[in-house]
Amino acid sequence: FWQYCTALPFLRHFSLSITNLHRHIGDRELCPAISEFLRERTQLRTYYLPVPPIDASLRWIGFDGSAWGVLPTLSKLSSLSIIYPRDL
């Protein structure tokens, strides 16, 4: 996501389902990169990011309260599915 931050400027729907994580195959930059990727997508209407609600798993992919920080920039967002992290 970092590499293609300016790709798909008119993206309207984004969904990424993370169903299984292994502690040795984590990417702590995944969720911050997704948030930065979506920040300029002013036409985004749906945002789905279901992740396992296990604290260790959330750390492995960098999911924390900052994942919610992108929401104020998404003015046309009408559908959201994302967990509520403890640090929010």
PDB file of N, CA and C in Angstrom:
ATOM      1  N   PHE A   1       0.817  -1.198   0.000  1.00  0.00           N
ATOM      2  CA  PHE A   1       0.000   0.000   0.000  1.00  0.00           C
ATOM      3  C   PHE A   1       0.862   1.264   0.000  1.00  0.00           C
ATOM      4  N   TRP A   2       1.997   1.217   0.708  1.00  0.00           N
ATOM      5  CA  TRP A   2       2.866   2.409   0.721  1.00  0.00           C
ATOM      6  C   TRP A   2       3.327   2.741  -0.694  1.00  0.00           C
ATOM      7  N   GLN A   3       3.693   1.727  -1.436  1.00  0.00           N
ATOM      8  CA  GLN A   3       4.256   1.929  -2.769  1.00  0.00           C
ATOM      9  C   GLN A   3       3.242   2.532  -3.736  1.00  0.00           C
ATOM     10  N   TYR A   4       1.978   2.261  -3.528  1.00  0.00           N
ATOM     11  CA  TYR A   4       0.943   2.719  -4.461  1.00  0.00           C
ATOM     12  C   TYR A   4      -0.034   3.685  -3.801  1.00  0.00           C
ATOM     13  N   CYS A   5       0.461   4.561  -2.971  1.00  0.00           N
ATOM     14  CA  CYS A   5      -0.394   5.498  -2.227  1.00  0.00           C
ATOM     15  C   CYS A   5      -1.248   6.388  -3.125  1.00  0.00           C
ATOM     16  N   THR A   6      -0.816   6.655  -4.327  1.00  0.00           N
ATOM     17  CA  THR A   6      -1.584   7.540  -5.211  1.00  0.00           C
ATOM     18  C   THR A   6      -2.413   6.773  -6.242  1.00  0.00           C
ATOM     19  N   ALA A   7      -2.359   5.460  -6.202  1.00  0.00           N
ATOM     20  CA  ALA A   7      -3.138   4.651  -7.152  1.00  0.00           C
ATOM     21  C   ALA A   7      -4.623   4.694  -6.806  1.00  0.00           C
ATOM     22  N   LEU A   8      -5.448   4.475  -7.789  1.00  0.00           N
ATOM     23  CA  LEU A   8      -6.902   4.388  -7.624  1.00  0.00           C
ATOM     24  C   LEU A   8      -7.500   5.608  -6.919  1.00  0.00           C
ATOM     25  N   PRO A   9      -7.291   6.800  -7.445  1.00  0.00           N
ATOM     26  CA  PRO A   9      -7.767   8.011  -6.762  1.00  0.00           C
ATOM     27  C   PRO A   9      -9.287   8.104  -6.644  1.00  0.00           C
ATOM     28  N   PHE A  10     -10.032   7.387  -7.474  1.00  0.00           N
ATOM     29  CA  PHE A  10     -11.495   7.456  -7.423  1.00  0.00           C
ATOM     30  C   PHE A  10     -12.113   6.196  -6.817  1.00  0.00           C
ATOM     31  N   LEU A  11     -11.345   5.507  -6.007  1.00  0.00           N
ATOM     32  CA  LEU A  11     -11.811   4.294  -5.346  1.00  0.00           C
ATOM     33  C   LEU A  11     -13.067   4.589  -4.522  1.00  0.00           C
ATOM     34  N   ARG A  12     -14.091   3.769  -4.677  1.00  0.00           N
ATOM     35  CA  ARG A  12     -15.350   3.974  -3.946  1.00  0.00           C
ATOM     36  C   ARG A  12     -15.613   2.908  -2.899  1.00  0.00           C
ATOM     37  N   HIS A  13     -15.031   1.739  -3.054  1.00  0.00           N
ATOM     38  CA  HIS A  13     -15.272   0.644  -2.121  1.00  0.00           C
ATOM     39  C   HIS A  13     -13.947  -0.035  -1.802  1.00  0.00           C
ATOM     40  N   PHE A  14     -13.693  -0.252  -0.519  1.00  0.00           N
ATOM     41  CA  PHE A  14     -12.468  -0.926  -0.108  1.00  0.00           C
ATOM     42  C   PHE A  14     -12.821  -1.971   0.936  1.00  0.00           C
ATOM     43  N   SER A  15     -12.335  -3.188   0.712  1.00  0.00           N
ATOM     44  CA  SER A  15     -12.554  -4.274   1.659  1.00  0.00           C
ATOM     45  C   SER A  15     -11.326  -5.162   1.677  1.00  0.00           C
ATOM     46  N   LEU A  16     -10.841  -5.440   2.860  1.00  0.00           N
ATOM     47  CA  LEU A  16      -9.733  -6.370   3.031  1.00  0.00           C
ATOM     48  C   LEU A  16     -10.043  -7.188   4.272  1.00  0.00           C
ATOM     49  N   SER A  17     -10.224  -8.466   4.097  1.00  0.00           N
ATOM     50  CA  SER A  17     -10.569  -9.348   5.205  1.00  0.00           C
ATOM     51  C   SER A  17      -9.339 -10.128   5.639  1.00  0.00           C
ATOM     52  N   ILE A  18      -8.958  -9.956   6.884  1.00  0.00           N
ATOM     53  CA  ILE A  18      -7.819 -10.672   7.451  1.00  0.00           C
ATOM     54  C   ILE A  18      -8.399 -11.718   8.395  1.00  0.00           C
ATOM     55  N   THR A  19      -8.269 -12.971   8.033  1.00  0.00           N
ATOM     56  CA  THR A  19      -8.934 -14.020   8.800  1.00  0.00           C
ATOM     57  C   THR A  19      -8.004 -14.839   9.674  1.00  0.00           C
ATOM     58  N   ASN A  20      -6.746 -14.930   9.318  1.00  0.00           N
ATOM     59  CA  ASN A  20      -5.834 -15.767  10.067  1.00  0.00           C
ATOM     60  C   ASN A  20      -4.450 -15.138  10.043  1.00  0.00           C
ATOM     61  N   LEU A  21      -3.821 -15.079  11.193  1.00  0.00           N
ATOM     62  CA  LEU A  21      -2.485 -14.494  11.293  1.00  0.00           C
ATOM     63  C   LEU A  21      -1.558 -15.447  12.031  1.00  0.00           C
ATOM     64  N   HIS A  22      -0.325 -15.430  11.644  1.00  0.00           N
ATOM     65  CA  HIS A  22       0.691 -16.211  12.334  1.00  0.00           C
ATOM     66  C   HIS A  22       1.704 -15.233  12.912  1.00  0.00           C
ATOM     67  N   ARG A  23       2.125 -15.458  14.124  1.00  0.00           N
ATOM     68  CA  ARG A  23       3.002 -14.491  14.795  1.00  0.00           C
ATOM     69  C   ARG A  23       4.333 -14.265  14.091  1.00  0.00           C
ATOM     70  N   HIS A  24       4.762 -15.223  13.281  1.00  0.00           N
ATOM     71  CA  HIS A  24       6.030 -15.063  12.570  1.00  0.00           C
ATOM     72  C   HIS A  24       5.862 -14.405  11.205  1.00  0.00           C
ATOM     73  N   ILE A  25       4.628 -14.204  10.793  1.00  0.00           N
ATOM     74  CA  ILE A  25       4.379 -13.613   9.479  1.00  0.00           C
ATOM     75  C   ILE A  25       3.502 -12.382   9.657  1.00  0.00           C
ATOM     76  N   GLY A  26       3.946 -11.454  10.443  1.00  0.00           N
ATOM     77  CA  GLY A  26       3.192 -10.230  10.656  1.00  0.00           C
ATOM     78  C   GLY A  26       3.807  -9.072   9.887  1.00  0.00           C
ATOM     79  N   ASP A  27       3.030  -8.062   9.684  1.00  0.00           N
ATOM     80  CA  ASP A  27       3.501  -6.843   9.032  1.00  0.00           C
ATOM     81  C   ASP A  27       2.945  -5.669   9.826  1.00  0.00           C
ATOM     82  N   ARG A  28       3.739  -5.135  10.721  1.00  0.00           N
ATOM     83  CA  ARG A  28       3.287  -4.058  11.605  1.00  0.00           C
ATOM     84  C   ARG A  28       2.967  -2.766  10.861  1.00  0.00           C
ATOM     85  N   GLU A  29       3.294  -2.707   9.601  1.00  0.00           N
ATOM     86  CA  GLU A  29       3.005  -1.523   8.790  1.00  0.00           C
ATOM     87  C   GLU A  29       1.745  -1.678   7.942  1.00  0.00           C
ATOM     88  N   LEU A  30       1.089  -2.828   8.002  1.00  0.00           N
ATOM     89  CA  LEU A  30      -0.058  -3.071   7.132  1.00  0.00           C
ATOM     90  C   LEU A  30      -1.196  -2.078   7.378  1.00  0.00           C
ATOM     91  N   CYS A  31      -1.700  -1.996   8.575  1.00  0.00           N
ATOM     92  CA  CYS A  31      -2.834  -1.096   8.842  1.00  0.00           C
ATOM     93  C   CYS A  31      -2.466   0.379   8.696  1.00  0.00           C
ATOM     94  N   PRO A  32      -1.296   0.821   9.171  1.00  0.00           N
ATOM     95  CA  PRO A  32      -0.926   2.217   8.899  1.00  0.00           C
ATOM     96  C   PRO A  32      -0.826   2.518   7.401  1.00  0.00           C
ATOM     97  N   ALA A  33      -0.337   1.570   6.621  1.00  0.00           N
ATOM     98  CA  ALA A  33      -0.237   1.775   5.171  1.00  0.00           C
ATOM     99  C   ALA A  33      -1.619   1.846   4.532  1.00  0.00           C
ATOM    100  N   ILE A  34      -2.547   1.018   4.990  1.00  0.00           N
ATOM    101  CA  ILE A  34      -3.913   1.058   4.469  1.00  0.00           C
ATOM    102  C   ILE A  34      -4.550   2.405   4.779  1.00  0.00           C
ATOM    103  N   SER A  35      -4.383   2.878   6.010  1.00  0.00           N
ATOM    104  CA  SER A  35      -4.954   4.175   6.396  1.00  0.00           C
ATOM    105  C   SER A  35      -4.405   5.297   5.531  1.00  0.00           C
ATOM    106  N   GLU A  36      -3.115   5.286   5.307  1.00  0.00           N
ATOM    107  CA  GLU A  36      -2.509   6.329   4.476  1.00  0.00           C
ATOM    108  C   GLU A  36      -2.977   6.218   3.030  1.00  0.00           C
ATOM    109  N   PHE A  37      -3.114   5.004   2.540  1.00  0.00           N
ATOM    110  CA  PHE A  37      -3.604   4.772   1.184  1.00  0.00           C
ATOM    111  C   PHE A  37      -5.014   5.340   1.008  1.00  0.00           C
ATOM    112  N   LEU A  38      -5.866   5.158   1.996  1.00  0.00           N
ATOM    113  CA  LEU A  38      -7.263   5.594   1.891  1.00  0.00           C
ATOM    114  C   LEU A  38      -7.469   7.080   2.186  1.00  0.00           C
ATOM    115  N   ARG A  39      -6.509   7.713   2.801  1.00  0.00           N
ATOM    116  CA  ARG A  39      -6.663   9.102   3.252  1.00  0.00           C
ATOM    117  C   ARG A  39      -7.114  10.065   2.148  1.00  0.00           C
ATOM    118  N   GLU A  40      -6.626   9.930   0.960  1.00  0.00           N
ATOM    119  CA  GLU A  40      -6.967  10.836  -0.143  1.00  0.00           C
ATOM    120  C   GLU A  40      -8.140  10.346  -0.988  1.00  0.00           C
ATOM    121  N   ARG A  41      -8.775   9.269  -0.596  1.00  0.00           N
ATOM    122  CA  ARG A  41      -9.894   8.716  -1.370  1.00  0.00           C
ATOM    123  C   ARG A  41     -11.195   9.364  -0.924  1.00  0.00           C
ATOM    124  N   THR A  42     -11.426  10.590  -1.345  1.00  0.00           N
ATOM    125  CA  THR A  42     -12.597  11.358  -0.899  1.00  0.00           C
ATOM    126  C   THR A  42     -13.907  10.792  -1.429  1.00  0.00           C
ATOM    127  N   GLN A  43     -13.856   9.938  -2.435  1.00  0.00           N
ATOM    128  CA  GLN A  43     -15.065   9.332  -2.994  1.00  0.00           C
ATOM    129  C   GLN A  43     -15.413   7.993  -2.331  1.00  0.00           C
ATOM    130  N   LEU A  44     -14.610   7.566  -1.376  1.00  0.00           N
ATOM    131  CA  LEU A  44     -14.825   6.261  -0.752  1.00  0.00           C
ATOM    132  C   LEU A  44     -16.168   6.222  -0.023  1.00  0.00           C
ATOM    133  N   ARG A  45     -16.948   5.199  -0.318  1.00  0.00           N
ATOM    134  CA  ARG A  45     -18.280   5.049   0.294  1.00  0.00           C
ATOM    135  C   ARG A  45     -18.341   3.876   1.258  1.00  0.00           C
ATOM    136  N   THR A  46     -17.602   2.814   0.981  1.00  0.00           N
ATOM    137  CA  THR A  46     -17.600   1.666   1.886  1.00  0.00           C
ATOM    138  C   THR A  46     -16.171   1.310   2.276  1.00  0.00           C
ATOM    139  N   TYR A  47     -16.003   0.987   3.539  1.00  0.00           N
ATOM    140  CA  TYR A  47     -14.696   0.630   4.080  1.00  0.00           C
ATOM    141  C   TYR A  47     -14.904  -0.538   5.037  1.00  0.00           C
ATOM    142  N   TYR A  48     -14.417  -1.704   4.637  1.00  0.00           N
ATOM    143  CA  TYR A  48     -14.519  -2.898   5.466  1.00  0.00           C
ATOM    144  C   TYR A  48     -13.121  -3.408   5.764  1.00  0.00           C
ATOM    145  N   LEU A  49     -12.813  -3.530   7.037  1.00  0.00           N
ATOM    146  CA  LEU A  49     -11.518  -4.059   7.444  1.00  0.00           C
ATOM    147  C   LEU A  49     -11.720  -4.985   8.641  1.00  0.00           C
ATOM    148  N   PRO A  50     -12.349  -6.147   8.417  1.00  0.00           N
ATOM    149  CA  PRO A  50     -12.517  -7.089   9.523  1.00  0.00           C
ATOM    150  C   PRO A  50     -11.194  -7.781   9.837  1.00  0.00           C
ATOM    151  N   VAL A  51     -10.810  -7.738  11.086  1.00  0.00           N
ATOM    152  CA  VAL A  51      -9.583  -8.386  11.544  1.00  0.00           C
ATOM    153  C   VAL A  51      -9.908  -9.197  12.794  1.00  0.00           C
ATOM    154  N   PRO A  52      -9.112 -10.223  13.096  1.00  0.00           N
ATOM    155  CA  PRO A  52      -9.359 -11.000  14.313  1.00  0.00           C
ATOM    156  C   PRO A  52      -9.205 -10.106  15.548  1.00  0.00           C
ATOM    157  N   PRO A  53     -10.181 -10.109  16.458  1.00  0.00           N
ATOM    158  CA  PRO A  53     -10.120  -9.221  17.626  1.00  0.00           C
ATOM    159  C   PRO A  53      -9.230  -9.762  18.743  1.00  0.00           C
ATOM    160  N   ILE A  54      -8.061 -10.228  18.400  1.00  0.00           N
ATOM    161  CA  ILE A  54      -7.106 -10.754  19.372  1.00  0.00           C
ATOM    162  C   ILE A  54      -5.972  -9.745  19.472  1.00  0.00           C
ATOM    163  N   ASP A  55      -5.687  -9.282  20.689  1.00  0.00           N
ATOM    164  CA  ASP A  55      -4.699  -8.215  20.872  1.00  0.00           C
ATOM    165  C   ASP A  55      -3.364  -8.500  20.200  1.00  0.00           C
ATOM    166  N   ALA A  56      -2.858  -9.714  20.342  1.00  0.00           N
ATOM    167  CA  ALA A  56      -1.566 -10.039  19.725  1.00  0.00           C
ATOM    168  C   ALA A  56      -1.654  -9.937  18.210  1.00  0.00           C
ATOM    169  N   SER A  57      -2.738 -10.415  17.642  1.00  0.00           N
ATOM    170  CA  SER A  57      -2.907 -10.343  16.186  1.00  0.00           C
ATOM    171  C   SER A  57      -2.966  -8.907  15.713  1.00  0.00           C
ATOM    172  N   LEU A  58      -3.637  -8.069  16.472  1.00  0.00           N
ATOM    173  CA  LEU A  58      -3.749  -6.660  16.095  1.00  0.00           C
ATOM    174  C   LEU A  58      -2.382  -5.990  16.083  1.00  0.00           C
ATOM    175  N   ARG A  59      -1.536  -6.326  17.045  1.00  0.00           N
ATOM    176  CA  ARG A  59      -0.178  -5.766  17.074  1.00  0.00           C
ATOM    177  C   ARG A  59       0.634  -6.238  15.879  1.00  0.00           C
ATOM    178  N   TRP A  60       0.438  -7.484  15.457  1.00  0.00           N
ATOM    179  CA  TRP A  60       1.214  -8.043  14.338  1.00  0.00           C
ATOM    180  C   TRP A  60       0.939  -7.326  13.031  1.00  0.00           C
ATOM    181  N   ILE A  61      -0.222  -6.711  12.898  1.00  0.00           N
ATOM    182  CA  ILE A  61      -0.537  -5.997  11.654  1.00  0.00           C
ATOM    183  C   ILE A  61      -0.591  -4.483  11.859  1.00  0.00           C
ATOM    184  N   GLY A  62      -0.208  -4.015  13.042  1.00  0.00           N
ATOM    185  CA  GLY A  62      -0.161  -2.580  13.293  1.00  0.00           C
ATOM    186  C   GLY A  62      -1.516  -1.928  13.469  1.00  0.00           C
ATOM    187  N   PHE A  63      -2.522  -2.707  13.868  1.00  0.00           N
ATOM    188  CA  PHE A  63      -3.867  -2.153  14.041  1.00  0.00           C
ATOM    189  C   PHE A  63      -4.005  -1.555  15.432  1.00  0.00           C
ATOM    190  N   ASP A  64      -4.313  -0.267  15.468  1.00  0.00           N
ATOM    191  CA  ASP A  64      -4.572   0.414  16.734  1.00  0.00           C
ATOM    192  C   ASP A  64      -5.514   1.582  16.459  1.00  0.00           C
ATOM    193  N   GLY A  65      -5.643   2.493  17.399  1.00  0.00           N
ATOM    194  CA  GLY A  65      -6.558   3.617  17.246  1.00  0.00           C
ATOM    195  C   GLY A  65      -6.275   4.486  16.043  1.00  0.00           C
ATOM    196  N   SER A  66      -5.047   4.484  15.572  1.00  0.00           N
ATOM    197  CA  SER A  66      -4.718   5.313  14.411  1.00  0.00           C
ATOM    198  C   SER A  66      -5.430   4.833  13.145  1.00  0.00           C
ATOM    199  N   ALA A  67      -5.875   3.583  13.129  1.00  0.00           N
ATOM    200  CA  ALA A  67      -6.631   3.081  11.971  1.00  0.00           C
ATOM    201  C   ALA A  67      -7.943   3.846  11.814  1.00  0.00           C
ATOM    202  N   TRP A  68      -8.457   4.364  12.916  1.00  0.00           N
ATOM    203  CA  TRP A  68      -9.685   5.159  12.872  1.00  0.00           C
ATOM    204  C   TRP A  68      -9.396   6.604  12.487  1.00  0.00           C
ATOM    205  N   GLY A  69      -8.148   7.013  12.528  1.00  0.00           N
ATOM    206  CA  GLY A  69      -7.773   8.394  12.230  1.00  0.00           C
ATOM    207  C   GLY A  69      -8.076   8.836  10.818  1.00  0.00           C
ATOM    208  N   VAL A  70      -8.210   7.909   9.908  1.00  0.00           N
ATOM    209  CA  VAL A  70      -8.499   8.235   8.513  1.00  0.00           C
ATOM    210  C   VAL A  70      -9.975   8.594   8.318  1.00  0.00           C
ATOM    211  N   LEU A  71     -10.839   8.187   9.205  1.00  0.00           N
ATOM    212  CA  LEU A  71     -12.282   8.354   9.004  1.00  0.00           C
ATOM    213  C   LEU A  71     -12.739   9.794   8.773  1.00  0.00           C
ATOM    214  N   PRO A  72     -12.226  10.799   9.478  1.00  0.00           N
ATOM    215  CA  PRO A  72     -12.684  12.171   9.211  1.00  0.00           C
ATOM    216  C   PRO A  72     -12.408  12.658   7.791  1.00  0.00           C
ATOM    217  N   THR A  73     -11.450  12.066   7.105  1.00  0.00           N
ATOM    218  CA  THR A  73     -11.141  12.497   5.738  1.00  0.00           C
ATOM    219  C   THR A  73     -12.055  11.853   4.705  1.00  0.00           C
ATOM    220  N   LEU A  74     -12.816  10.862   5.120  1.00  0.00           N
ATOM    221  CA  LEU A  74     -13.689  10.122   4.201  1.00  0.00           C
ATOM    222  C   LEU A  74     -15.106  10.666   4.310  1.00  0.00           C
ATOM    223  N   SER A  75     -15.328  11.821   3.742  1.00  0.00           N
ATOM    224  CA  SER A  75     -16.589  12.546   3.925  1.00  0.00           C
ATOM    225  C   SER A  75     -17.800  11.874   3.282  1.00  0.00           C
ATOM    226  N   LYS A  76     -17.599  11.011   2.306  1.00  0.00           N
ATOM    227  CA  LYS A  76     -18.731  10.351   1.638  1.00  0.00           C
ATOM    228  C   LYS A  76     -18.948   8.923   2.129  1.00  0.00           C
ATOM    229  N   LEU A  77     -18.247   8.550   3.175  1.00  0.00           N
ATOM    230  CA  LEU A  77     -18.355   7.199   3.705  1.00  0.00           C
ATOM    231  C   LEU A  77     -19.764   6.944   4.234  1.00  0.00           C
ATOM    232  N   SER A  78     -20.387   5.877   3.771  1.00  0.00           N
ATOM    233  CA  SER A  78     -21.741   5.555   4.230  1.00  0.00           C
ATOM    234  C   SER A  78     -21.834   4.163   4.846  1.00  0.00           C
ATOM    235  N   SER A  79     -20.796   3.354   4.695  1.00  0.00           N
ATOM    236  CA  SER A  79     -20.809   2.008   5.257  1.00  0.00           C
ATOM    237  C   SER A  79     -19.424   1.686   5.807  1.00  0.00           C
ATOM    238  N   LEU A  80     -19.392   1.259   7.067  1.00  0.00           N
ATOM    239  CA  LEU A  80     -18.124   1.015   7.743  1.00  0.00           C
ATOM    240  C   LEU A  80     -18.208  -0.268   8.557  1.00  0.00           C
ATOM    241  N   SER A  81     -17.178  -1.085   8.463  1.00  0.00           N
ATOM    242  CA  SER A  81     -17.063  -2.275   9.297  1.00  0.00           C
ATOM    243  C   SER A  81     -15.603  -2.395   9.710  1.00  0.00           C
ATOM    244  N   ILE A  82     -15.343  -2.065  10.964  1.00  0.00           N
ATOM    245  CA  ILE A  82     -13.985  -2.079  11.496  1.00  0.00           C
ATOM    246  C   ILE A  82     -14.105  -2.252  13.008  1.00  0.00           C
ATOM    247  N   ILE A  83     -13.196  -2.995  13.618  1.00  0.00           N
ATOM    248  CA  ILE A  83     -13.323  -3.213  15.053  1.00  0.00           C
ATOM    249  C   ILE A  83     -12.877  -1.978  15.827  1.00  0.00           C
ATOM    250  N   TYR A  84     -13.299  -1.924  17.060  1.00  0.00           N
ATOM    251  CA  TYR A  84     -12.976  -0.814  17.956  1.00  0.00           C
ATOM    252  C   TYR A  84     -11.778  -1.230  18.798  1.00  0.00           C
ATOM    253  N   PRO A  85     -10.603  -0.642  18.567  1.00  0.00           N
ATOM    254  CA  PRO A  85      -9.412  -1.050  19.310  1.00  0.00           C
ATOM    255  C   PRO A  85      -9.430  -0.509  20.742  1.00  0.00           C
ATOM    256  N   ARG A  86      -8.718  -1.164  21.618  1.00  0.00           N
ATOM    257  CA  ARG A  86      -8.689  -0.775  23.031  1.00  0.00           C
ATOM    258  C   ARG A  86      -8.100   0.610  23.260  1.00  0.00           C
ATOM    259  N   ASP A  87      -7.156   1.016  22.436  1.00  0.00           N
ATOM    260  CA  ASP A  87      -6.469   2.290  22.676  1.00  0.00           C
ATOM    261  C   ASP A  87      -7.187   3.495  22.081  1.00  0.00           C
ATOM    262  N   LEU A  88      -8.399   3.318  21.626  1.00  0.00           N
ATOM    263  CA  LEU A  88      -9.132   4.437  21.031  1.00  0.00           C
ATOM    264  C   LEU A  88      -9.925   5.171  22.087  1.00  0.00           C
TER     265      LEU A  88
END
